[in-house]
Amino acid sequence: MSQRICFTLRVTPERLDEYIARHSPVWPEMLEEIAASGRRDYSIFHLVDGLLVGTYVTDDDEAAQAYLAQSEVAARWEESMAPFFVGLDGRPDQAAEIHPEVFHLETQLAAARGAS
């Protein structure tokens, strides 16, 4: 069963433009590592004042996290990105705050249609 993950991180507002530029594009080898970890439909959004919200889908988030934790490519990428973040202890990909899902349309539609 797929898991939909939502996380937040905060970038120093003064470095936001540089952060965005570093994602246009992300290193090709890092893109491949993200895909190899099992993450898909991955997006990061900027809300306000450096607040980032990211989402992705995976079949096993614990396995995806473990894969990226041991990846040399991910370690280099995260080391290069770490100076952008506010109040972060550790690698950004391992220290982001995860948020519980409250509502998902397709899940509720499927349940409602199955019940009728």
PDB file of N, CA and C in Angstrom:
ATOM      1  N   MET A   1       0.840  -1.172   0.000  1.00  0.00           N
ATOM      2  CA  MET A   1       0.000   0.000   0.000  1.00  0.00           C
ATOM      3  C   MET A   1       0.891   1.243   0.000  1.00  0.00           C
ATOM      4  N   SER A   2       0.575   2.192  -0.836  1.00  0.00           N
ATOM      5  CA  SER A   2       1.358   3.420  -0.942  1.00  0.00           C
ATOM      6  C   SER A   2       1.152   4.330   0.267  1.00  0.00           C
ATOM      7  N   GLN A   3       2.213   5.023   0.611  1.00  0.00           N
ATOM      8  CA  GLN A   3       2.176   6.024   1.667  1.00  0.00           C
ATOM      9  C   GLN A   3       2.374   7.384   1.008  1.00  0.00           C
ATOM     10  N   ARG A   4       1.580   8.360   1.399  1.00  0.00           N
ATOM     11  CA  ARG A   4       1.765   9.733   0.957  1.00  0.00           C
ATOM     12  C   ARG A   4       2.419  10.474   2.113  1.00  0.00           C
ATOM     13  N   ILE A   5       3.577  11.045   1.862  1.00  0.00           N
ATOM     14  CA  ILE A   5       4.359  11.699   2.902  1.00  0.00           C
ATOM     15  C   ILE A   5       4.358  13.209   2.659  1.00  0.00           C
ATOM     16  N   CYS A   6       4.180  13.961   3.740  1.00  0.00           N
ATOM     17  CA  CYS A   6       4.279  15.417   3.699  1.00  0.00           C
ATOM     18  C   CYS A   6       5.298  15.841   4.753  1.00  0.00           C
ATOM     19  N   PHE A   7       6.212  16.734   4.363  1.00  0.00           N
ATOM     20  CA  PHE A   7       7.217  17.199   5.309  1.00  0.00           C
ATOM     21  C   PHE A   7       7.422  18.696   5.159  1.00  0.00           C
ATOM     22  N   THR A   8       7.985  19.300   6.200  1.00  0.00           N
ATOM     23  CA  THR A   8       8.334  20.718   6.140  1.00  0.00           C
ATOM     24  C   THR A   8       9.787  20.918   6.544  1.00  0.00           C
ATOM     25  N   LEU A   9      10.361  21.939   5.952  1.00  0.00           N
ATOM     26  CA  LEU A   9      11.692  22.427   6.272  1.00  0.00           C
ATOM     27  C   LEU A   9      11.648  23.945   6.130  1.00  0.00           C
ATOM     28  N   ARG A  10      12.587  24.634   6.745  1.00  0.00           N
ATOM     29  CA  ARG A  10      12.634  26.088   6.601  1.00  0.00           C
ATOM     30  C   ARG A  10      14.021  26.496   6.117  1.00  0.00           C
ATOM     31  N   VAL A  11      14.020  27.261   5.021  1.00  0.00           N
ATOM     32  CA  VAL A  11      15.239  27.801   4.443  1.00  0.00           C
ATOM     33  C   VAL A  11      15.412  29.231   4.950  1.00  0.00           C
ATOM     34  N   THR A  12      16.648  29.630   5.176  1.00  0.00           N
ATOM     35  CA  THR A  12      16.928  31.016   5.517  1.00  0.00           C
ATOM     36  C   THR A  12      16.355  31.888   4.403  1.00  0.00           C
ATOM     37  N   PRO A  13      15.431  32.793   4.718  1.00  0.00           N
ATOM     38  CA  PRO A  13      14.779  33.583   3.662  1.00  0.00           C
ATOM     39  C   PRO A  13      15.754  34.306   2.733  1.00  0.00           C
ATOM     40  N   GLU A  14      16.874  34.770   3.272  1.00  0.00           N
ATOM     41  CA  GLU A  14      17.858  35.478   2.454  1.00  0.00           C
ATOM     42  C   GLU A  14      18.523  34.567   1.422  1.00  0.00           C
ATOM     43  N   ARG A  15      18.433  33.254   1.617  1.00  0.00           N
ATOM     44  CA  ARG A  15      19.077  32.312   0.693  1.00  0.00           C
ATOM     45  C   ARG A  15      18.063  31.563  -0.163  1.00  0.00           C
ATOM     46  N   LEU A  16      16.801  31.964  -0.095  1.00  0.00           N
ATOM     47  CA  LEU A  16      15.753  31.251  -0.815  1.00  0.00           C
ATOM     48  C   LEU A  16      15.995  31.215  -2.320  1.00  0.00           C
ATOM     49  N   ASP A  17      16.366  32.330  -2.913  1.00  0.00           N
ATOM     50  CA  ASP A  17      16.593  32.354  -4.365  1.00  0.00           C
ATOM     51  C   ASP A  17      17.695  31.378  -4.767  1.00  0.00           C
ATOM     52  N   GLU A  18      18.749  31.325  -3.978  1.00  0.00           N
ATOM     53  CA  GLU A  18      19.842  30.384  -4.263  1.00  0.00           C
ATOM     54  C   GLU A  18      19.374  28.936  -4.088  1.00  0.00           C
ATOM     55  N   TYR A  19      18.570  28.688  -3.051  1.00  0.00           N
ATOM     56  CA  TYR A  19      18.014  27.346  -2.831  1.00  0.00           C
ATOM     57  C   TYR A  19      17.196  26.915  -4.050  1.00  0.00           C
ATOM     58  N   ILE A  20      16.332  27.798  -4.512  1.00  0.00           N
ATOM     59  CA  ILE A  20      15.491  27.489  -5.682  1.00  0.00           C
ATOM     60  C   ILE A  20      16.367  27.244  -6.905  1.00  0.00           C
ATOM     61  N   ALA A  21      17.394  28.069  -7.098  1.00  0.00           N
ATOM     62  CA  ALA A  21      18.291  27.885  -8.240  1.00  0.00           C
ATOM     63  C   ALA A  21      18.990  26.531  -8.189  1.00  0.00           C
ATOM     64  N   ARG A  22      19.334  26.057  -6.998  1.00  0.00           N
ATOM     65  CA  ARG A  22      19.997  24.756  -6.868  1.00  0.00           C
ATOM     66  C   ARG A  22      19.080  23.600  -7.244  1.00  0.00           C
ATOM     67  N   HIS A  23      17.779  23.864  -7.300  1.00  0.00           N
ATOM     68  CA  HIS A  23      16.817  22.830  -7.675  1.00  0.00           C
ATOM     69  C   HIS A  23      16.390  22.942  -9.138  1.00  0.00           C
ATOM     70  N   SER A  24      17.077  23.754  -9.905  1.00  0.00           N
ATOM     71  CA  SER A  24      16.712  23.988 -11.307  1.00  0.00           C
ATOM     72  C   SER A  24      17.909  23.820 -12.232  1.00  0.00           C
ATOM     73  N   PRO A  25      18.365  22.627 -12.490  1.00  0.00           N
ATOM     74  CA  PRO A  25      17.868  21.343 -12.007  1.00  0.00           C
ATOM     75  C   PRO A  25      18.701  20.777 -10.865  1.00  0.00           C
ATOM     76  N   VAL A  26      18.141  19.768 -10.221  1.00  0.00           N
ATOM     77  CA  VAL A  26      18.859  18.951  -9.234  1.00  0.00           C
ATOM     78  C   VAL A  26      19.844  18.074 -10.006  1.00  0.00           C
ATOM     79  N   TRP A  27      20.950  17.727  -9.382  1.00  0.00           N
ATOM     80  CA  TRP A  27      21.937  16.852 -10.021  1.00  0.00           C
ATOM     81  C   TRP A  27      21.231  15.609 -10.586  1.00  0.00           C
ATOM     82  N   PRO A  28      21.519  15.221 -11.817  1.00  0.00           N
ATOM     83  CA  PRO A  28      20.892  14.020 -12.390  1.00  0.00           C
ATOM     84  C   PRO A  28      21.112  12.764 -11.537  1.00  0.00           C
ATOM     85  N   GLU A  29      22.317  12.614 -10.968  1.00  0.00           N
ATOM     86  CA  GLU A  29      22.578  11.418 -10.154  1.00  0.00           C
ATOM     87  C   GLU A  29      21.757  11.437  -8.861  1.00  0.00           C
ATOM     88  N   MET A  30      21.428  12.618  -8.360  1.00  0.00           N
ATOM     89  CA  MET A  30      20.574  12.696  -7.165  1.00  0.00           C
ATOM     90  C   MET A  30      19.133  12.357  -7.532  1.00  0.00           C
ATOM     91  N   LEU A  31      18.685  12.829  -8.686  1.00  0.00           N
ATOM     92  CA  LEU A  31      17.343  12.463  -9.154  1.00  0.00           C
ATOM     93  C   LEU A  31      17.211  10.946  -9.256  1.00  0.00           C
ATOM     94  N   GLU A  32      18.250  10.294  -9.778  1.00  0.00           N
ATOM     95  CA  GLU A  32      18.229   8.824  -9.914  1.00  0.00           C
ATOM     96  C   GLU A  32      18.206   8.142  -8.551  1.00  0.00           C
ATOM     97  N   GLU A  33      18.934   8.694  -7.577  1.00  0.00           N
ATOM     98  CA  GLU A  33      18.936   8.107  -6.233  1.00  0.00           C
ATOM     99  C   GLU A  33      17.564   8.243  -5.575  1.00  0.00           C
ATOM    100  N   ILE A  34      16.921   9.392  -5.746  1.00  0.00           N
ATOM    101  CA  ILE A  34      15.577   9.562  -5.191  1.00  0.00           C
ATOM    102  C   ILE A  34      14.641   8.520  -5.782  1.00  0.00           C
ATOM    103  N   ALA A  35      14.685   8.356  -7.094  1.00  0.00           N
ATOM    104  CA  ALA A  35      13.830   7.353  -7.754  1.00  0.00           C
ATOM    105  C   ALA A  35      14.181   5.945  -7.289  1.00  0.00           C
ATOM    106  N   ALA A  36      15.478   5.645  -7.172  1.00  0.00           N
ATOM    107  CA  ALA A  36      15.905   4.309  -6.740  1.00  0.00           C
ATOM    108  C   ALA A  36      15.479   4.012  -5.304  1.00  0.00           C
ATOM    109  N   SER A  37      15.302   5.054  -4.493  1.00  0.00           N
ATOM    110  CA  SER A  37      14.877   4.852  -3.108  1.00  0.00           C
ATOM    111  C   SER A  37      13.419   4.417  -3.013  1.00  0.00           C
ATOM    112  N   GLY A  38      12.673   4.617  -4.096  1.00  0.00           N
ATOM    113  CA  GLY A  38      11.264   4.252  -4.090  1.00  0.00           C
ATOM    114  C   GLY A  38      10.329   5.438  -3.927  1.00  0.00           C
ATOM    115  N   ARG A  39      10.882   6.627  -3.879  1.00  0.00           N
ATOM    116  CA  ARG A  39      10.032   7.821  -3.803  1.00  0.00           C
ATOM    117  C   ARG A  39       9.594   8.206  -5.212  1.00  0.00           C
ATOM    118  N   ARG A  40       8.341   8.639  -5.314  1.00  0.00           N
ATOM    119  CA  ARG A  40       7.814   9.092  -6.606  1.00  0.00           C
ATOM    120  C   ARG A  40       6.810  10.216  -6.359  1.00  0.00           C
ATOM    121  N   ASP A  41       6.429  10.866  -7.443  1.00  0.00           N
ATOM    122  CA  ASP A  41       5.492  11.998  -7.360  1.00  0.00           C
ATOM    123  C   ASP A  41       5.958  12.981  -6.287  1.00  0.00           C
ATOM    124  N   TYR A  42       7.244  13.329  -6.346  1.00  0.00           N
ATOM    125  CA  TYR A  42       7.921  14.138  -5.335  1.00  0.00           C
ATOM    126  C   TYR A  42       7.867  15.609  -5.744  1.00  0.00           C
ATOM    127  N   SER A  43       7.391  16.457  -4.852  1.00  0.00           N
ATOM    128  CA  SER A  43       7.345  17.905  -5.090  1.00  0.00           C
ATOM    129  C   SER A  43       7.749  18.645  -3.826  1.00  0.00           C
ATOM    130  N   ILE A  44       8.328  19.829  -4.022  1.00  0.00           N
ATOM    131  CA  ILE A  44       8.612  20.745  -2.925  1.00  0.00           C
ATOM    132  C   ILE A  44       7.990  22.086  -3.298  1.00  0.00           C
ATOM    133  N   PHE A  45       7.261  22.666  -2.351  1.00  0.00           N
ATOM    134  CA  PHE A  45       6.593  23.948  -2.560  1.00  0.00           C
ATOM    135  C   PHE A  45       7.129  24.962  -1.558  1.00  0.00           C
ATOM    136  N   HIS A  46       7.225  26.223  -1.996  1.00  0.00           N
ATOM    137  CA  HIS A  46       7.588  27.303  -1.084  1.00  0.00           C
ATOM    138  C   HIS A  46       6.309  28.009  -0.674  1.00  0.00           C
ATOM    139  N   LEU A  47       6.090  28.147   0.628  1.00  0.00           N
ATOM    140  CA  LEU A  47       4.893  28.827   1.110  1.00  0.00           C
ATOM    141  C   LEU A  47       5.170  30.307   1.352  1.00  0.00           C
ATOM    142  N   VAL A  48       5.944  30.621   2.383  1.00  0.00           N
ATOM    143  CA  VAL A  48       6.242  32.007   2.725  1.00  0.00           C
ATOM    144  C   VAL A  48       7.463  32.026   3.646  1.00  0.00           C
ATOM    145  N   ASP A  49       8.257  33.072   3.547  1.00  0.00           N
ATOM    146  CA  ASP A  49       9.387  33.283   4.467  1.00  0.00           C
ATOM    147  C   ASP A  49      10.301  32.071   4.604  1.00  0.00           C
ATOM    148  N   GLY A  50      10.525  31.352   3.525  1.00  0.00           N
ATOM    149  CA  GLY A  50      11.443  30.223   3.557  1.00  0.00           C
ATOM    150  C   GLY A  50      10.829  28.904   3.978  1.00  0.00           C
ATOM    151  N   LEU A  51       9.542  28.885   4.302  1.00  0.00           N
ATOM    152  CA  LEU A  51       8.901  27.628   4.685  1.00  0.00           C
ATOM    153  C   LEU A  51       8.662  26.776   3.446  1.00  0.00           C
ATOM    154  N   LEU A  52       9.162  25.558   3.474  1.00  0.00           N
ATOM    155  CA  LEU A  52       9.004  24.600   2.382  1.00  0.00           C
ATOM    156  C   LEU A  52       8.091  23.470   2.824  1.00  0.00           C
ATOM    157  N   VAL A  53       7.242  23.022   1.916  1.00  0.00           N
ATOM    158  CA  VAL A  53       6.406  21.846   2.135  1.00  0.00           C
ATOM    159  C   VAL A  53       6.721  20.886   0.999  1.00  0.00           C
ATOM    160  N   GLY A  54       7.069  19.671   1.366  1.00  0.00           N
ATOM    161  CA  GLY A  54       7.361  18.648   0.373  1.00  0.00           C
ATOM    162  C   GLY A  54       6.388  17.494   0.492  1.00  0.00           C
ATOM    163  N   THR A  55       6.118  16.866  -0.635  1.00  0.00           N
ATOM    164  CA  THR A  55       5.268  15.679  -0.654  1.00  0.00           C
ATOM    165  C   THR A  55       5.867  14.651  -1.597  1.00  0.00           C
ATOM    166  N   TYR A  56       5.658  13.398  -1.270  1.00  0.00           N
ATOM    167  CA  TYR A  56       6.031  12.310  -2.170  1.00  0.00           C
ATOM    168  C   TYR A  56       5.223  11.081  -1.803  1.00  0.00           C
ATOM    169  N   VAL A  57       5.247  10.126  -2.693  1.00  0.00           N
ATOM    170  CA  VAL A  57       4.569   8.849  -2.486  1.00  0.00           C
ATOM    171  C   VAL A  57       5.636   7.766  -2.489  1.00  0.00           C
ATOM    172  N   THR A  58       5.466   6.790  -1.630  1.00  0.00           N
ATOM    173  CA  THR A  58       6.388   5.657  -1.571  1.00  0.00           C
ATOM    174  C   THR A  58       5.633   4.437  -1.053  1.00  0.00           C
ATOM    175  N   ASP A  59       6.154   3.268  -1.349  1.00  0.00           N
ATOM    176  CA  ASP A  59       5.539   2.053  -0.820  1.00  0.00           C
ATOM    177  C   ASP A  59       6.059   1.719   0.572  1.00  0.00           C
ATOM    178  N   ASP A  60       7.249   2.250   0.921  1.00  0.00           N
ATOM    179  CA  ASP A  60       7.858   1.965   2.219  1.00  0.00           C
ATOM    180  C   ASP A  60       8.783   3.126   2.570  1.00  0.00           C
ATOM    181  N   ASP A  61       8.276   4.077   3.343  1.00  0.00           N
ATOM    182  CA  ASP A  61       9.074   5.268   3.639  1.00  0.00           C
ATOM    183  C   ASP A  61      10.299   4.937   4.476  1.00  0.00           C
ATOM    184  N   GLU A  62      10.177   3.986   5.364  1.00  0.00           N
ATOM    185  CA  GLU A  62      11.336   3.598   6.178  1.00  0.00           C
ATOM    186  C   GLU A  62      12.463   3.064   5.288  1.00  0.00           C
ATOM    187  N   ALA A  63      12.114   2.250   4.310  1.00  0.00           N
ATOM    188  CA  ALA A  63      13.115   1.718   3.379  1.00  0.00           C
ATOM    189  C   ALA A  63      13.695   2.830   2.504  1.00  0.00           C
ATOM    190  N   ALA A  64      12.858   3.760   2.063  1.00  0.00           N
ATOM    191  CA  ALA A  64      13.335   4.884   1.257  1.00  0.00           C
ATOM    192  C   ALA A  64      14.313   5.741   2.056  1.00  0.00           C
ATOM    193  N   GLN A  65      13.969   6.010   3.309  1.00  0.00           N
ATOM    194  CA  GLN A  65      14.853   6.781   4.183  1.00  0.00           C
ATOM    195  C   GLN A  65      16.190   6.055   4.371  1.00  0.00           C
ATOM    196  N   ALA A  66      16.126   4.761   4.621  1.00  0.00           N
ATOM    197  CA  ALA A  66      17.342   3.976   4.838  1.00  0.00           C
ATOM    198  C   ALA A  66      18.220   3.969   3.585  1.00  0.00           C
ATOM    199  N   TYR A  67      17.593   3.827   2.424  1.00  0.00           N
ATOM    200  CA  TYR A  67      18.344   3.827   1.162  1.00  0.00           C
ATOM    201  C   TYR A  67      19.099   5.143   1.006  1.00  0.00           C
ATOM    202  N   LEU A  68      18.395   6.252   1.196  1.00  0.00           N
ATOM    203  CA  LEU A  68      19.035   7.552   1.022  1.00  0.00           C
ATOM    204  C   LEU A  68      20.072   7.833   2.108  1.00  0.00           C
ATOM    205  N   ALA A  69      19.860   7.317   3.307  1.00  0.00           N
ATOM    206  CA  ALA A  69      20.814   7.512   4.398  1.00  0.00           C
ATOM    207  C   ALA A  69      22.168   6.885   4.083  1.00  0.00           C
ATOM    208  N   GLN A  70      22.174   5.793   3.306  1.00  0.00           N
ATOM    209  CA  GLN A  70      23.437   5.131   2.978  1.00  0.00           C
ATOM    210  C   GLN A  70      24.002   5.549   1.626  1.00  0.00           C
ATOM    211  N   SER A  71      23.287   6.375   0.903  1.00  0.00           N
ATOM    212  CA  SER A  71      23.705   6.797  -0.439  1.00  0.00           C
ATOM    213  C   SER A  71      24.805   7.860  -0.375  1.00  0.00           C
ATOM    214  N   GLU A  72      25.934   7.599  -1.044  1.00  0.00           N
ATOM    215  CA  GLU A  72      27.013   8.587  -1.103  1.00  0.00           C
ATOM    216  C   GLU A  72      26.577   9.829  -1.872  1.00  0.00           C
ATOM    217  N   VAL A  73      25.798   9.635  -2.933  1.00  0.00           N
ATOM    218  CA  VAL A  73      25.307  10.771  -3.723  1.00  0.00           C
ATOM    219  C   VAL A  73      24.400  11.645  -2.864  1.00  0.00           C
ATOM    220  N   ALA A  74      23.463  11.032  -2.148  1.00  0.00           N
ATOM    221  CA  ALA A  74      22.550  11.786  -1.283  1.00  0.00           C
ATOM    222  C   ALA A  74      23.325  12.495  -0.171  1.00  0.00           C
ATOM    223  N   ALA A  75      24.340  11.854   0.366  1.00  0.00           N
ATOM    224  CA  ALA A  75      25.147  12.482   1.418  1.00  0.00           C
ATOM    225  C   ALA A  75      25.828  13.741   0.887  1.00  0.00           C
ATOM    226  N   ARG A  76      26.374  13.688  -0.320  1.00  0.00           N
ATOM    227  CA  ARG A  76      27.013  14.863  -0.916  1.00  0.00           C
ATOM    228  C   ARG A  76      25.998  15.963  -1.194  1.00  0.00           C
ATOM    229  N   TRP A  77      24.834  15.589  -1.745  1.00  0.00           N
ATOM    230  CA  TRP A  77      23.788  16.571  -2.024  1.00  0.00           C
ATOM    231  C   TRP A  77      23.326  17.244  -0.722  1.00  0.00           C
ATOM    232  N   GLU A  78      23.021  16.444   0.286  1.00  0.00           N
ATOM    233  CA  GLU A  78      22.513  16.985   1.537  1.00  0.00           C
ATOM    234  C   GLU A  78      23.558  17.851   2.236  1.00  0.00           C
ATOM    235  N   GLU A  79      24.818  17.472   2.146  1.00  0.00           N
ATOM    236  CA  GLU A  79      25.883  18.300   2.719  1.00  0.00           C
ATOM    237  C   GLU A  79      25.931  19.660   2.017  1.00  0.00           C
ATOM    238  N   SER A  80      25.748  19.657   0.701  1.00  0.00           N
ATOM    239  CA  SER A  80      25.780  20.923  -0.042  1.00  0.00           C
ATOM    240  C   SER A  80      24.558  21.783   0.239  1.00  0.00           C
ATOM    241  N   MET A  81      23.448  21.169   0.635  1.00  0.00           N
ATOM    242  CA  MET A  81      22.201  21.904   0.889  1.00  0.00           C
ATOM    243  C   MET A  81      22.028  22.301   2.356  1.00  0.00           C
ATOM    244  N   ALA A  82      22.691  21.634   3.274  1.00  0.00           N
ATOM    245  CA  ALA A  82      22.496  21.868   4.709  1.00  0.00           C
ATOM    246  C   ALA A  82      22.642  23.331   5.132  1.00  0.00           C
ATOM    247  N   PRO A  83      23.578  24.103   4.581  1.00  0.00           N
ATOM    248  CA  PRO A  83      23.718  25.497   5.027  1.00  0.00           C
ATOM    249  C   PRO A  83      22.502  26.387   4.744  1.00  0.00           C
ATOM    250  N   PHE A  84      21.588  25.940   3.913  1.00  0.00           N
ATOM    251  CA  PHE A  84      20.414  26.741   3.581  1.00  0.00           C
ATOM    252  C   PHE A  84      19.346  26.706   4.672  1.00  0.00           C
ATOM    253  N   PHE A  85      19.367  25.708   5.536  1.00  0.00           N
ATOM    254  CA  PHE A  85      18.254  25.451   6.438  1.00  0.00           C
ATOM    255  C   PHE A  85      18.414  26.097   7.806  1.00  0.00           C
ATOM    256  N   VAL A  86      17.279  26.473   8.385  1.00  0.00           N
ATOM    257  CA  VAL A  86      17.207  27.094   9.701  1.00  0.00           C
ATOM    258  C   VAL A  86      16.917  26.019  10.743  1.00  0.00           C
ATOM    259  N   GLY A  87      17.686  26.029  11.835  1.00  0.00           N
ATOM    260  CA  GLY A  87      17.394  25.173  12.978  1.00  0.00           C
ATOM    261  C   GLY A  87      17.347  23.693  12.669  1.00  0.00           C
ATOM    262  N   LEU A  88      18.186  23.233  11.782  1.00  0.00           N
ATOM    263  CA  LEU A  88      18.154  21.828  11.382  1.00  0.00           C
ATOM    264  C   LEU A  88      19.334  21.097  12.005  1.00  0.00           C
ATOM    265  N   ASP A  89      19.050  19.983  12.651  1.00  0.00           N
ATOM    266  CA  ASP A  89      20.084  19.163  13.261  1.00  0.00           C
ATOM    267  C   ASP A  89      20.223  17.896  12.431  1.00  0.00           C
ATOM    268  N   GLY A  90      21.284  17.796  11.659  1.00  0.00           N
ATOM    269  CA  GLY A  90      21.491  16.626  10.812  1.00  0.00           C
ATOM    270  C   GLY A  90      21.183  16.921   9.356  1.00  0.00           C
ATOM    271  N   ARG A  91      21.183  15.860   8.564  1.00  0.00           N
ATOM    272  CA  ARG A  91      20.934  15.995   7.125  1.00  0.00           C
ATOM    273  C   ARG A  91      19.483  16.404   6.875  1.00  0.00           C
ATOM    274  N   PRO A  92      19.255  17.322   5.945  1.00  0.00           N
ATOM    275  CA  PRO A  92      17.884  17.745   5.644  1.00  0.00           C
ATOM    276  C   PRO A  92      16.961  16.585   5.279  1.00  0.00           C
ATOM    277  N   ASP A  93      17.462  15.634   4.495  1.00  0.00           N
ATOM    278  CA  ASP A  93      16.589  14.526   4.067  1.00  0.00           C
ATOM    279  C   ASP A  93      16.249  13.570   5.201  1.00  0.00           C
ATOM    280  N   GLN A  94      16.990  13.631   6.284  1.00  0.00           N
ATOM    281  CA  GLN A  94      16.750  12.743   7.412  1.00  0.00           C
ATOM    282  C   GLN A  94      16.129  13.458   8.609  1.00  0.00           C
ATOM    283  N   ALA A  95      16.114  14.797   8.577  1.00  0.00           N
ATOM    284  CA  ALA A  95      15.666  15.554   9.741  1.00  0.00           C
ATOM    285  C   ALA A  95      14.404  16.380   9.494  1.00  0.00           C
ATOM    286  N   ALA A  96      13.811  16.285   8.328  1.00  0.00           N
ATOM    287  CA  ALA A  96      12.597  17.042   8.042  1.00  0.00           C
ATOM    288  C   ALA A  96      11.465  16.590   8.961  1.00  0.00           C
ATOM    289  N   GLU A  97      10.597  17.529   9.301  1.00  0.00           N
ATOM    290  CA  GLU A  97       9.432  17.201  10.131  1.00  0.00           C
ATOM    291  C   GLU A  97       8.346  16.586   9.249  1.00  0.00           C
ATOM    292  N   ILE A  98       7.890  15.389   9.600  1.00  0.00           N
ATOM    293  CA  ILE A  98       6.844  14.673   8.859  1.00  0.00           C
ATOM    294  C   ILE A  98       5.488  15.008   9.491  1.00  0.00           C
ATOM    295  N   HIS A  99       4.472  15.214   8.640  1.00  0.00           N
ATOM    296  CA  HIS A  99       3.138  15.604   9.113  1.00  0.00           C
ATOM    297  C   HIS A  99       2.109  14.533   8.760  1.00  0.00           C
ATOM    298  N   PRO A 100       1.182  14.257   9.663  1.00  0.00           N
ATOM    299  CA  PRO A 100       0.163  13.236   9.396  1.00  0.00           C
ATOM    300  C   PRO A 100      -0.852  13.716   8.360  1.00  0.00           C
ATOM    301  N   GLU A 101      -1.296  12.792   7.562  1.00  0.00           N
ATOM    302  CA  GLU A 101      -2.327  13.097   6.572  1.00  0.00           C
ATOM    303  C   GLU A 101      -3.689  13.151   7.258  1.00  0.00           C
ATOM    304  N   VAL A 102      -4.468  14.141   6.917  1.00  0.00           N
ATOM    305  CA  VAL A 102      -5.793  14.335   7.505  1.00  0.00           C
ATOM    306  C   VAL A 102      -6.882  13.916   6.525  1.00  0.00           C
ATOM    307  N   PHE A 103      -6.682  14.161   5.247  1.00  0.00           N
ATOM    308  CA  PHE A 103      -7.707  13.894   4.242  1.00  0.00           C
ATOM    309  C   PHE A 103      -7.043  13.512   2.936  1.00  0.00           C
ATOM    310  N   HIS A 104      -7.613  12.504   2.252  1.00  0.00           N
ATOM    311  CA  HIS A 104      -7.175  12.121   0.906  1.00  0.00           C
ATOM    312  C   HIS A 104      -8.421  11.757   0.113  1.00  0.00           C
ATOM    313  N   LEU A 105      -8.704  12.518  -0.914  1.00  0.00           N
ATOM    314  CA  LEU A 105      -9.931  12.377  -1.687  1.00  0.00           C
ATOM    315  C   LEU A 105     -10.129  10.958  -2.212  1.00  0.00           C
ATOM    316  N   GLU A 106      -9.130  10.414  -2.897  1.00  0.00           N
ATOM    317  CA  GLU A 106      -9.310   9.107  -3.530  1.00  0.00           C
ATOM    318  C   GLU A 106      -9.592   7.998  -2.518  1.00  0.00           C
ATOM    319  N   THR A 107      -8.943   8.039  -1.362  1.00  0.00           N
ATOM    320  CA  THR A 107      -9.186   7.028  -0.331  1.00  0.00           C
ATOM    321  C   THR A 107     -10.620   7.100   0.167  1.00  0.00           C
ATOM    322  N   GLN A 108     -11.084   8.320   0.431  1.00  0.00           N
ATOM    323  CA  GLN A 108     -12.448   8.462   0.938  1.00  0.00           C
ATOM    324  C   GLN A 108     -13.487   8.165  -0.133  1.00  0.00           C
ATOM    325  N   LEU A 109     -13.224   8.539  -1.370  1.00  0.00           N
ATOM    326  CA  LEU A 109     -14.149   8.215  -2.464  1.00  0.00           C
ATOM    327  C   LEU A 109     -14.293   6.701  -2.613  1.00  0.00           C
ATOM    328  N   ALA A 110     -13.158   6.006  -2.604  1.00  0.00           N
ATOM    329  CA  ALA A 110     -13.195   4.551  -2.741  1.00  0.00           C
ATOM    330  C   ALA A 110     -13.996   3.915  -1.613  1.00  0.00           C
ATOM    331  N   ALA A 111     -13.783   4.399  -0.388  1.00  0.00           N
ATOM    332  CA  ALA A 111     -14.535   3.862   0.756  1.00  0.00           C
ATOM    333  C   ALA A 111     -16.024   4.176   0.631  1.00  0.00           C
ATOM    334  N   ALA A 112     -16.343   5.382   0.236  1.00  0.00           N
ATOM    335  CA  ALA A 112     -17.751   5.785   0.111  1.00  0.00           C
ATOM    336  C   ALA A 112     -18.450   5.022  -1.005  1.00  0.00           C
ATOM    337  N   ARG A 113     -17.765   4.820  -2.096  1.00  0.00           N
ATOM    338  CA  ARG A 113     -18.376   4.093  -3.218  1.00  0.00           C
ATOM    339  C   ARG A 113     -18.514   2.615  -2.920  1.00  0.00           C
ATOM    340  N   GLY A 114     -17.598   2.082  -2.126  1.00  0.00           N
ATOM    341  CA  GLY A 114     -17.677   0.667  -1.758  1.00  0.00           C
ATOM    342  C   GLY A 114     -18.793   0.420  -0.752  1.00  0.00           C
ATOM    343  N   ALA A 115     -19.132   1.442   0.020  1.00  0.00           N
ATOM    344  CA  ALA A 115     -20.141   1.315   1.058  1.00  0.00           C
ATOM    345  C   ALA A 115     -21.560   1.477   0.515  1.00  0.00           C
ATOM    346  N   SER A 116     -21.681   2.065  -0.687  1.00  0.00           N
ATOM    347  CA  SER A 116     -23.032   2.333  -1.192  1.00  0.00           C
ATOM    348  C   SER A 116     -23.605   1.183  -1.967  1.00  0.00           C
TER     349      SER A 116
END
